[in-house]
Amino acid sequence: MEFCLFLGCNTPAVRPDVERAIRCSMESLGVDMVDADNYVCCPAFGSFPSTDIDSWLATSAWNLSIAEEKKRDLLVQCGSCYSSLRMGREHILEHEPWCNVRRVSYFLKKCLNSDGKVEKDMIRNIKRHNQ
C-alpha cells in the first residue's frame, strides 16, 4: 500500500506523538508513505468553508492535487482535515463539473508570483477562467 501523508496544521504542532505513532505503525505494517509537500491548512470549518467557498475549494484542490501528482491516496489523521478535504472534493467533483483537482492546481501554480504567493485577483477568477 502507498499513501501520501497529510498531517494538517495541528498534528505536527500539537500532537507530534500521534505523528510519530502513525509513521512507526505504518512502517511496521509495510505501508509506503510520502509526505504531502507544500500543503496548506485544510481549512477546518468555521473558517473558509463557512465564509468563502471559492477559497475553501481552492485550498482543498491544492491539497488534494499534491497526492494526485504523487499518484497516491491521501492519508489524513485529523478528523477536521478529513471532513474538510472530503467535502471539498465532493463539491469540486459533483457540483462544479468544469473543475477537477489537477486543473485548479495547475491554475494556482500558474498564478504564483515571484515570492511564491498567489495573486489575490487570480483566486477570484478561478471559476471564470476554467469555464
N, C-alpha and C. Protein backbone atom coordinates (compact mmCIF):
# COMPACT_ATOMS: atom_id res chain seq x y z
N MET A 1 0.83 -1.18 0.00
CA MET A 1 0.00 0.00 0.00
C MET A 1 0.87 1.24 0.00
N GLU A 2 0.39 2.25 -0.69
CA GLU A 2 1.12 3.51 -0.77
C GLU A 2 0.18 4.66 -0.47
N PHE A 3 0.63 5.59 0.37
CA PHE A 3 -0.17 6.75 0.73
C PHE A 3 0.68 8.01 0.70
N CYS A 4 -0.01 9.13 0.58
CA CYS A 4 0.59 10.44 0.74
C CYS A 4 0.05 10.97 2.07
N LEU A 5 0.92 11.24 3.02
CA LEU A 5 0.52 11.63 4.38
C LEU A 5 0.25 13.13 4.48
N PHE A 6 -0.99 13.46 4.82
CA PHE A 6 -1.39 14.85 5.05
C PHE A 6 -1.57 15.03 6.55
N LEU A 7 -0.68 15.78 7.18
CA LEU A 7 -0.73 15.95 8.63
C LEU A 7 -1.54 17.16 9.08
N GLY A 8 -1.80 18.10 8.18
CA GLY A 8 -2.53 19.30 8.59
C GLY A 8 -1.68 20.19 9.47
N CYS A 9 -2.34 21.16 10.10
CA CYS A 9 -1.58 22.12 10.91
C CYS A 9 -1.42 21.69 12.36
N ASN A 10 -2.44 21.01 12.90
CA ASN A 10 -2.42 20.71 14.33
C ASN A 10 -1.56 19.52 14.72
N THR A 11 -1.58 18.47 13.93
CA THR A 11 -0.87 17.26 14.34
C THR A 11 0.62 17.49 14.59
N PRO A 12 1.36 18.10 13.66
CA PRO A 12 2.79 18.31 13.94
C PRO A 12 3.03 19.26 15.12
N ALA A 13 2.17 20.25 15.29
CA ALA A 13 2.38 21.26 16.33
C ALA A 13 1.88 20.82 17.70
N VAL A 14 0.69 20.20 17.72
CA VAL A 14 0.04 19.90 18.99
C VAL A 14 0.21 18.43 19.39
N ARG A 15 0.23 17.54 18.41
CA ARG A 15 0.28 16.10 18.70
C ARG A 15 1.41 15.40 17.94
N PRO A 16 2.66 15.80 18.18
CA PRO A 16 3.76 15.12 17.49
C PRO A 16 3.85 13.64 17.85
N ASP A 17 3.30 13.26 19.01
CA ASP A 17 3.28 11.86 19.40
C ASP A 17 2.40 11.03 18.45
N VAL A 18 1.30 11.62 18.01
CA VAL A 18 0.41 10.94 17.07
C VAL A 18 1.12 10.80 15.72
N GLU A 19 1.78 11.85 15.29
CA GLU A 19 2.52 11.78 14.02
C GLU A 19 3.56 10.66 14.08
N ARG A 20 4.29 10.60 15.18
CA ARG A 20 5.32 9.55 15.32
C ARG A 20 4.67 8.17 15.32
N ALA A 21 3.56 8.01 16.01
CA ALA A 21 2.87 6.72 16.06
C ALA A 21 2.41 6.29 14.67
N ILE A 22 1.89 7.24 13.89
CA ILE A 22 1.47 6.94 12.52
C ILE A 22 2.66 6.47 11.69
N ARG A 23 3.72 7.22 11.76
CA ARG A 23 4.90 6.88 10.95
C ARG A 23 5.47 5.50 11.35
N CYS A 24 5.56 5.23 12.64
CA CYS A 24 6.12 3.96 13.09
C CYS A 24 5.19 2.79 12.76
N SER A 25 3.91 2.96 13.02
CA SER A 25 2.98 1.85 12.79
C SER A 25 2.82 1.56 11.30
N MET A 26 2.77 2.58 10.47
CA MET A 26 2.63 2.35 9.03
C MET A 26 3.87 1.66 8.48
N GLU A 27 5.02 2.06 8.95
CA GLU A 27 6.25 1.40 8.51
C GLU A 27 6.24 -0.07 8.93
N SER A 28 5.81 -0.33 10.17
CA SER A 28 5.74 -1.72 10.66
C SER A 28 4.77 -2.56 9.85
N LEU A 29 3.73 -1.93 9.32
CA LEU A 29 2.73 -2.64 8.52
C LEU A 29 3.13 -2.74 7.04
N GLY A 30 4.27 -2.18 6.70
CA GLY A 30 4.75 -2.25 5.33
C GLY A 30 4.08 -1.24 4.40
N VAL A 31 3.49 -0.21 4.98
CA VAL A 31 2.84 0.83 4.18
C VAL A 31 3.89 1.85 3.77
N ASP A 32 3.96 2.14 2.48
CA ASP A 32 4.91 3.12 1.96
C ASP A 32 4.23 4.48 1.96
N MET A 33 4.80 5.42 2.71
CA MET A 33 4.22 6.76 2.80
C MET A 33 5.22 7.80 2.33
N VAL A 34 4.69 8.81 1.66
CA VAL A 34 5.47 10.00 1.34
C VAL A 34 4.72 11.19 1.94
N ASP A 35 5.44 12.20 2.31
CA ASP A 35 4.80 13.38 2.88
C ASP A 35 4.15 14.23 1.80
N ALA A 36 3.06 14.86 2.15
CA ALA A 36 2.43 15.85 1.28
C ALA A 36 3.25 17.13 1.42
N ASP A 37 4.02 17.45 0.41
CA ASP A 37 4.88 18.63 0.45
C ASP A 37 4.08 19.88 0.10
N ASN A 38 4.40 20.97 0.76
CA ASN A 38 3.82 22.28 0.44
C ASN A 38 2.31 22.36 0.58
N TYR A 39 1.74 21.56 1.47
CA TYR A 39 0.31 21.66 1.69
C TYR A 39 -0.01 22.90 2.51
N VAL A 40 -1.28 23.28 2.49
CA VAL A 40 -1.75 24.41 3.29
C VAL A 40 -2.82 23.91 4.25
N CYS A 41 -3.19 24.74 5.19
CA CYS A 41 -4.23 24.39 6.16
C CYS A 41 -5.46 23.86 5.42
N CYS A 42 -6.13 22.88 5.97
CA CYS A 42 -7.17 22.11 5.25
C CYS A 42 -8.31 22.94 4.64
N PRO A 43 -8.85 23.96 4.98
CA PRO A 43 -9.04 24.60 6.28
C PRO A 43 -10.26 24.03 7.00
N ALA A 44 -10.21 24.02 8.30
CA ALA A 44 -11.30 23.46 9.10
C ALA A 44 -12.53 24.36 9.03
N PHE A 45 -13.65 23.78 9.36
CA PHE A 45 -14.92 24.53 9.34
C PHE A 45 -14.87 25.68 10.34
N GLY A 46 -15.60 26.72 10.04
CA GLY A 46 -15.56 27.92 10.86
C GLY A 46 -14.63 28.96 10.27
N SER A 47 -13.86 28.54 9.26
CA SER A 47 -13.01 29.50 8.56
C SER A 47 -13.50 29.58 7.12
N PHE A 48 -12.67 29.27 6.14
CA PHE A 48 -13.06 29.41 4.73
C PHE A 48 -14.38 28.72 4.36
N PRO A 49 -14.58 27.47 4.74
CA PRO A 49 -15.80 26.80 4.25
C PRO A 49 -17.09 27.53 4.61
N SER A 50 -17.09 28.23 5.72
CA SER A 50 -18.32 28.91 6.11
C SER A 50 -18.39 30.36 5.65
N THR A 51 -17.28 30.90 5.14
CA THR A 51 -17.29 32.30 4.75
C THR A 51 -16.88 32.57 3.31
N ASP A 52 -16.03 31.72 2.75
CA ASP A 52 -15.51 31.96 1.41
C ASP A 52 -15.34 30.63 0.68
N ILE A 53 -16.36 30.21 -0.02
CA ILE A 53 -16.38 28.91 -0.67
C ILE A 53 -15.27 28.80 -1.72
N ASP A 54 -15.04 29.85 -2.49
CA ASP A 54 -14.01 29.79 -3.52
C ASP A 54 -12.62 29.51 -2.93
N SER A 55 -12.30 30.18 -1.83
CA SER A 55 -11.00 29.95 -1.20
C SER A 55 -10.91 28.55 -0.61
N TRP A 56 -12.01 28.08 -0.03
CA TRP A 56 -12.04 26.72 0.51
C TRP A 56 -11.81 25.70 -0.60
N LEU A 57 -12.50 25.87 -1.72
CA LEU A 57 -12.33 24.92 -2.82
C LEU A 57 -10.93 25.00 -3.41
N ALA A 58 -10.37 26.19 -3.47
CA ALA A 58 -9.01 26.34 -3.99
C ALA A 58 -8.00 25.64 -3.08
N THR A 59 -8.13 25.81 -1.77
CA THR A 59 -7.19 25.15 -0.86
C THR A 59 -7.41 23.65 -0.85
N SER A 60 -8.65 23.21 -0.90
CA SER A 60 -8.92 21.76 -0.98
C SER A 60 -8.31 21.18 -2.25
N ALA A 61 -8.53 21.86 -3.36
CA ALA A 61 -7.99 21.37 -4.63
C ALA A 61 -6.47 21.33 -4.59
N TRP A 62 -5.87 22.34 -4.03
CA TRP A 62 -4.41 22.37 -3.92
C TRP A 62 -3.91 21.17 -3.12
N ASN A 63 -4.49 20.96 -1.94
CA ASN A 63 -4.05 19.86 -1.08
C ASN A 63 -4.30 18.50 -1.72
N LEU A 64 -5.45 18.32 -2.34
CA LEU A 64 -5.75 17.05 -2.99
C LEU A 64 -4.83 16.81 -4.19
N SER A 65 -4.46 17.87 -4.87
CA SER A 65 -3.61 17.71 -6.05
C SER A 65 -2.21 17.22 -5.69
N ILE A 66 -1.77 17.49 -4.48
CA ILE A 66 -0.44 17.03 -4.06
C ILE A 66 -0.38 15.51 -4.11
N ALA A 67 -1.40 14.86 -3.54
CA ALA A 67 -1.44 13.40 -3.57
C ALA A 67 -1.68 12.90 -4.99
N GLU A 68 -2.52 13.61 -5.72
CA GLU A 68 -2.81 13.20 -7.10
C GLU A 68 -1.54 13.22 -7.96
N GLU A 69 -0.73 14.25 -7.79
CA GLU A 69 0.51 14.33 -8.55
C GLU A 69 1.48 13.20 -8.19
N LYS A 70 1.40 12.75 -6.94
CA LYS A 70 2.26 11.65 -6.49
C LYS A 70 1.63 10.29 -6.81
N LYS A 71 0.42 10.32 -7.39
CA LYS A 71 -0.32 9.11 -7.75
C LYS A 71 -0.54 8.20 -6.55
N ARG A 72 -0.95 8.84 -5.44
CA ARG A 72 -1.22 8.10 -4.20
C ARG A 72 -2.51 8.60 -3.58
N ASP A 73 -3.12 7.74 -2.78
CA ASP A 73 -4.27 8.17 -1.99
C ASP A 73 -3.75 8.98 -0.81
N LEU A 74 -4.60 9.88 -0.34
CA LEU A 74 -4.23 10.74 0.77
C LEU A 74 -4.59 10.05 2.09
N LEU A 75 -3.66 10.03 3.01
CA LEU A 75 -3.89 9.51 4.36
C LEU A 75 -3.96 10.72 5.28
N VAL A 76 -5.11 10.89 5.93
CA VAL A 76 -5.35 12.07 6.76
C VAL A 76 -5.63 11.63 8.19
N GLN A 77 -4.91 12.17 9.15
CA GLN A 77 -5.07 11.79 10.55
C GLN A 77 -6.16 12.59 11.25
N CYS A 78 -6.24 13.86 10.98
CA CYS A 78 -7.15 14.77 11.70
C CYS A 78 -8.57 14.66 11.15
N GLY A 79 -9.54 14.53 12.04
CA GLY A 79 -10.93 14.42 11.63
C GLY A 79 -11.44 15.67 10.93
N SER A 80 -11.03 16.83 11.40
CA SER A 80 -11.45 18.08 10.75
C SER A 80 -10.86 18.20 9.36
N CYS A 81 -9.59 17.86 9.23
CA CYS A 81 -8.95 17.89 7.90
C CYS A 81 -9.64 16.91 6.96
N TYR A 82 -9.89 15.71 7.46
CA TYR A 82 -10.54 14.71 6.63
C TYR A 82 -11.89 15.21 6.12
N SER A 83 -12.70 15.74 7.03
CA SER A 83 -14.04 16.22 6.65
C SER A 83 -13.96 17.37 5.65
N SER A 84 -13.07 18.32 5.91
CA SER A 84 -12.95 19.47 5.03
C SER A 84 -12.48 19.04 3.63
N LEU A 85 -11.48 18.17 3.58
CA LEU A 85 -10.96 17.72 2.29
C LEU A 85 -11.97 16.84 1.55
N ARG A 86 -12.65 15.96 2.29
CA ARG A 86 -13.64 15.09 1.66
C ARG A 86 -14.79 15.90 1.09
N MET A 87 -15.30 16.84 1.88
CA MET A 87 -16.41 17.66 1.41
C MET A 87 -15.97 18.58 0.26
N GLY A 88 -14.75 19.11 0.34
CA GLY A 88 -14.24 19.93 -0.76
C GLY A 88 -14.13 19.12 -2.04
N ARG A 89 -13.62 17.90 -1.92
CA ARG A 89 -13.51 17.02 -3.10
C ARG A 89 -14.88 16.72 -3.68
N GLU A 90 -15.83 16.37 -2.83
CA GLU A 90 -17.18 16.07 -3.31
C GLU A 90 -17.78 17.28 -4.02
N HIS A 91 -17.61 18.45 -3.43
CA HIS A 91 -18.16 19.66 -4.03
C HIS A 91 -17.52 19.93 -5.39
N ILE A 92 -16.21 19.80 -5.45
CA ILE A 92 -15.50 20.06 -6.70
C ILE A 92 -15.96 19.08 -7.79
N LEU A 93 -16.01 17.81 -7.46
CA LEU A 93 -16.31 16.79 -8.46
C LEU A 93 -17.79 16.68 -8.82
N GLU A 94 -18.68 16.97 -7.86
CA GLU A 94 -20.10 16.78 -8.11
C GLU A 94 -20.84 18.06 -8.48
N HIS A 95 -20.46 19.18 -7.88
CA HIS A 95 -21.22 20.41 -8.07
C HIS A 95 -20.56 21.40 -9.02
N GLU A 96 -19.34 21.18 -9.35
CA GLU A 96 -18.62 22.07 -10.26
C GLU A 96 -18.05 21.23 -11.39
N PRO A 97 -18.87 20.81 -12.37
CA PRO A 97 -18.39 19.89 -13.40
C PRO A 97 -17.23 20.43 -14.24
N TRP A 98 -17.03 21.73 -14.27
CA TRP A 98 -15.93 22.32 -15.04
C TRP A 98 -14.59 22.12 -14.34
N CYS A 99 -14.66 21.76 -13.08
CA CYS A 99 -13.47 21.78 -12.24
C CYS A 99 -12.98 20.37 -11.93
N ASN A 100 -11.70 20.16 -11.97
CA ASN A 100 -11.12 18.97 -11.36
C ASN A 100 -9.86 19.40 -10.64
N VAL A 101 -9.40 18.56 -9.76
CA VAL A 101 -8.31 18.94 -8.87
C VAL A 101 -7.07 19.35 -9.64
N ARG A 102 -6.72 18.61 -10.66
CA ARG A 102 -5.49 18.92 -11.40
C ARG A 102 -5.57 20.27 -12.10
N ARG A 103 -6.73 20.59 -12.69
CA ARG A 103 -6.87 21.86 -13.40
C ARG A 103 -6.76 23.04 -12.44
N VAL A 104 -7.39 22.92 -11.27
CA VAL A 104 -7.31 24.02 -10.30
C VAL A 104 -5.88 24.15 -9.78
N SER A 105 -5.24 23.02 -9.49
CA SER A 105 -3.86 23.08 -9.02
C SER A 105 -2.95 23.71 -10.07
N TYR A 106 -3.09 23.30 -11.31
CA TYR A 106 -2.28 23.85 -12.39
C TYR A 106 -2.50 25.36 -12.49
N PHE A 107 -3.75 25.77 -12.42
CA PHE A 107 -4.09 27.19 -12.50
C PHE A 107 -3.45 27.96 -11.35
N LEU A 108 -3.54 27.42 -10.13
CA LEU A 108 -2.95 28.11 -8.98
C LEU A 108 -1.44 28.22 -9.12
N LYS A 109 -0.80 27.17 -9.58
CA LYS A 109 0.65 27.22 -9.75
C LYS A 109 1.05 28.26 -10.78
N LYS A 110 0.23 28.44 -11.79
CA LYS A 110 0.50 29.47 -12.80
C LYS A 110 0.30 30.87 -12.24
N CYS A 111 -0.47 30.98 -11.15
CA CYS A 111 -0.79 32.29 -10.57
C CYS A 111 0.19 32.72 -9.49
N LEU A 112 1.19 31.91 -9.18
CA LEU A 112 2.13 32.29 -8.14
C LEU A 112 3.01 33.44 -8.62
N ASN A 113 3.20 34.40 -7.74
CA ASN A 113 4.10 35.49 -8.08
C ASN A 113 5.53 35.09 -7.75
N SER A 114 6.47 35.97 -7.92
CA SER A 114 7.88 35.64 -7.71
C SER A 114 8.20 35.30 -6.26
N ASP A 115 7.33 35.71 -5.33
CA ASP A 115 7.53 35.39 -3.91
C ASP A 115 6.91 34.05 -3.54
N GLY A 116 6.28 33.37 -4.50
CA GLY A 116 5.63 32.10 -4.22
C GLY A 116 4.25 32.25 -3.62
N LYS A 117 3.68 33.45 -3.71
CA LYS A 117 2.34 33.70 -3.17
C LYS A 117 1.37 33.85 -4.33
N VAL A 118 0.14 33.41 -4.10
CA VAL A 118 -0.88 33.50 -5.13
C VAL A 118 -1.40 34.93 -5.21
N GLU A 119 -1.48 35.47 -6.41
CA GLU A 119 -2.02 36.80 -6.61
C GLU A 119 -3.51 36.81 -6.20
N LYS A 120 -3.92 37.74 -5.37
CA LYS A 120 -5.29 37.78 -4.87
C LYS A 120 -6.33 37.85 -5.98
N ASP A 121 -6.08 38.64 -6.99
CA ASP A 121 -7.05 38.77 -8.08
C ASP A 121 -7.25 37.46 -8.83
N MET A 122 -6.25 36.61 -8.85
CA MET A 122 -6.35 35.36 -9.58
C MET A 122 -7.30 34.39 -8.90
N ILE A 123 -7.33 34.37 -7.57
CA ILE A 123 -8.23 33.47 -6.83
C ILE A 123 -9.67 33.76 -7.22
N ARG A 124 -10.03 35.03 -7.33
CA ARG A 124 -11.41 35.40 -7.68
C ARG A 124 -11.78 34.95 -9.09
N ASN A 125 -10.80 34.74 -9.94
CA ASN A 125 -11.05 34.40 -11.33
C ASN A 125 -10.99 32.91 -11.65
N ILE A 126 -10.81 32.07 -10.65
CA ILE A 126 -10.68 30.64 -10.90
C ILE A 126 -11.89 30.11 -11.66
N LYS A 127 -13.07 30.39 -11.17
CA LYS A 127 -14.27 29.86 -11.79
C LYS A 127 -14.40 30.36 -13.23
N ARG A 128 -14.23 31.64 -13.43
CA ARG A 128 -14.38 32.22 -14.76
C ARG A 128 -13.33 31.68 -15.73
N HIS A 129 -12.09 31.55 -15.27
CA HIS A 129 -11.00 31.09 -16.12
C HIS A 129 -11.21 29.66 -16.60
N ASN A 130 -11.72 28.79 -15.74
CA ASN A 130 -11.84 27.37 -16.06
C ASN A 130 -13.14 27.02 -16.75
N GLN A 131 -14.04 27.94 -16.97
CA GLN A 131 -15.30 27.61 -17.63
C GLN A 131 -15.13 27.54 -19.11
